[in-house]
Protein backbone atom coordinates (compact mmCIF):
# COMPACT_ATOMS: atom_id res chain seq x y z
CA MET A 1 0.69 19.85 74.34
CA SER A 2 3.91 20.66 72.55
CA GLU A 3 4.32 20.42 68.81
CA LEU A 4 6.58 17.72 67.43
CA THR A 5 9.84 18.69 65.82
CA ARG A 6 11.32 17.25 62.65
CA ASP A 7 14.13 15.69 64.68
CA GLN A 8 11.67 13.91 66.98
CA VAL A 9 9.82 12.37 64.04
CA VAL A 10 12.97 11.40 62.12
CA SER A 11 14.52 9.83 65.22
CA ALA A 12 11.41 7.77 65.90
CA VAL A 13 10.50 6.28 62.50
CA HIS A 14 12.15 5.27 59.23
CA PRO A 15 11.95 5.83 56.35
CA VAL A 16 10.35 9.25 56.34
CA ASP A 17 10.98 12.17 54.06
CA ASP A 18 10.30 15.83 54.76
CA ALA A 19 6.80 15.67 53.27
CA ILE A 20 5.82 12.82 55.61
CA VAL A 21 7.42 14.57 58.58
CA ALA A 22 5.38 17.68 57.78
CA GLU A 23 2.21 15.60 57.42
CA ILE A 24 2.78 13.98 60.84
CA ILE A 25 3.50 17.36 62.47
CA ALA A 26 0.37 18.83 60.83
CA THR A 27 -1.80 16.31 62.71
CA GLY A 28 -1.01 18.23 65.90
CA ALA A 29 0.38 15.09 67.51
CA SER A 30 2.39 15.39 70.69
CA GLU A 31 5.50 13.37 71.47
CA ALA A 32 3.29 11.02 73.53
CA ASP A 33 0.92 10.61 70.57
CA LEU A 34 3.84 9.74 68.30
CA ALA A 35 5.10 7.23 70.87
CA ALA A 36 1.64 5.61 71.10
CA ALA A 37 1.36 5.45 67.29
CA CYS A 38 4.84 3.91 67.02
CA ALA A 39 3.96 1.33 69.67
CA PHE A 40 0.76 0.41 67.81
CA VAL A 41 2.57 0.07 64.47
CA ALA A 42 5.36 -2.01 66.05
CA ARG A 43 2.82 -4.37 67.68
CA GLU A 44 0.89 -4.73 64.43
CA PHE A 45 4.08 -5.39 62.47
CA ARG A 46 5.05 -8.20 64.86
CA SER A 47 1.63 -9.74 65.49
CA HIS A 48 -0.30 -9.14 62.25
CA GLU A 49 -3.50 -9.11 64.35
CA GLY A 50 -5.19 -6.36 62.38
CA ARG A 51 -6.54 -4.41 65.35
CA ASP A 52 -8.78 -1.41 64.80
CA VAL A 53 -6.82 1.82 64.48
CA PRO A 54 -7.63 4.25 67.31
CA LEU A 55 -9.54 7.42 66.47
CA GLY A 56 -8.11 10.91 66.73
CA THR A 57 -4.59 12.18 66.40
CA ILE A 58 -2.93 8.86 67.22
CA GLY A 59 -5.01 7.16 64.55
CA GLN A 60 -4.06 9.81 62.01
CA VAL A 61 -0.36 9.26 62.72
CA ILE A 62 -0.80 5.46 62.54
CA SER A 63 -2.52 5.79 59.17
CA ILE A 64 0.33 7.92 57.83
CA LEU A 65 3.00 5.51 59.10
CA GLU A 66 1.20 2.49 57.65
CA ARG A 67 0.53 4.21 54.32
CA VAL A 68 4.19 5.02 53.75
CA GLY A 69 5.52 1.78 55.23
CA ALA A 70 7.46 3.56 57.97
CA ARG A 71 8.57 1.50 60.96
CA PRO A 72 9.61 2.57 64.44
CA LEU A 73 13.37 2.58 64.85
CA ARG A 74 15.20 0.39 67.31
CA GLY A 75 16.73 2.36 70.12
CA SER A 76 14.29 5.20 69.58
CA PRO A 77 14.59 8.09 72.00
CA LEU A 78 10.93 7.39 72.69
CA GLY A 79 11.97 4.26 74.58
CA GLU A 80 10.03 0.98 74.58
CA ALA A 81 7.03 2.56 72.88
CA GLY A 82 9.12 3.42 69.85
CA SER A 83 11.07 0.19 69.66
CA THR A 84 10.57 -2.78 67.35
CA MET A 85 12.67 -5.01 69.62
CA GLU A 86 10.84 -8.13 70.71
């Protein structure tokens, strides 16, 4: 598992400041975890279904993204998982 970089986080979600980037990196999330969290947040944003947040690292990242109102960016380098396109 490789540690996320600031550039990976900033290129995947918006808006995020350095404190939020550091908080996401501190979870120990991998790039795949960030992609899964972005996909979950994007689905929830579109569907408003209110699914249960997964446990573990992905859930921690989801909680951070939802708390700060960050949204996955369109055209994310993470591909479909990081996209809000419908």
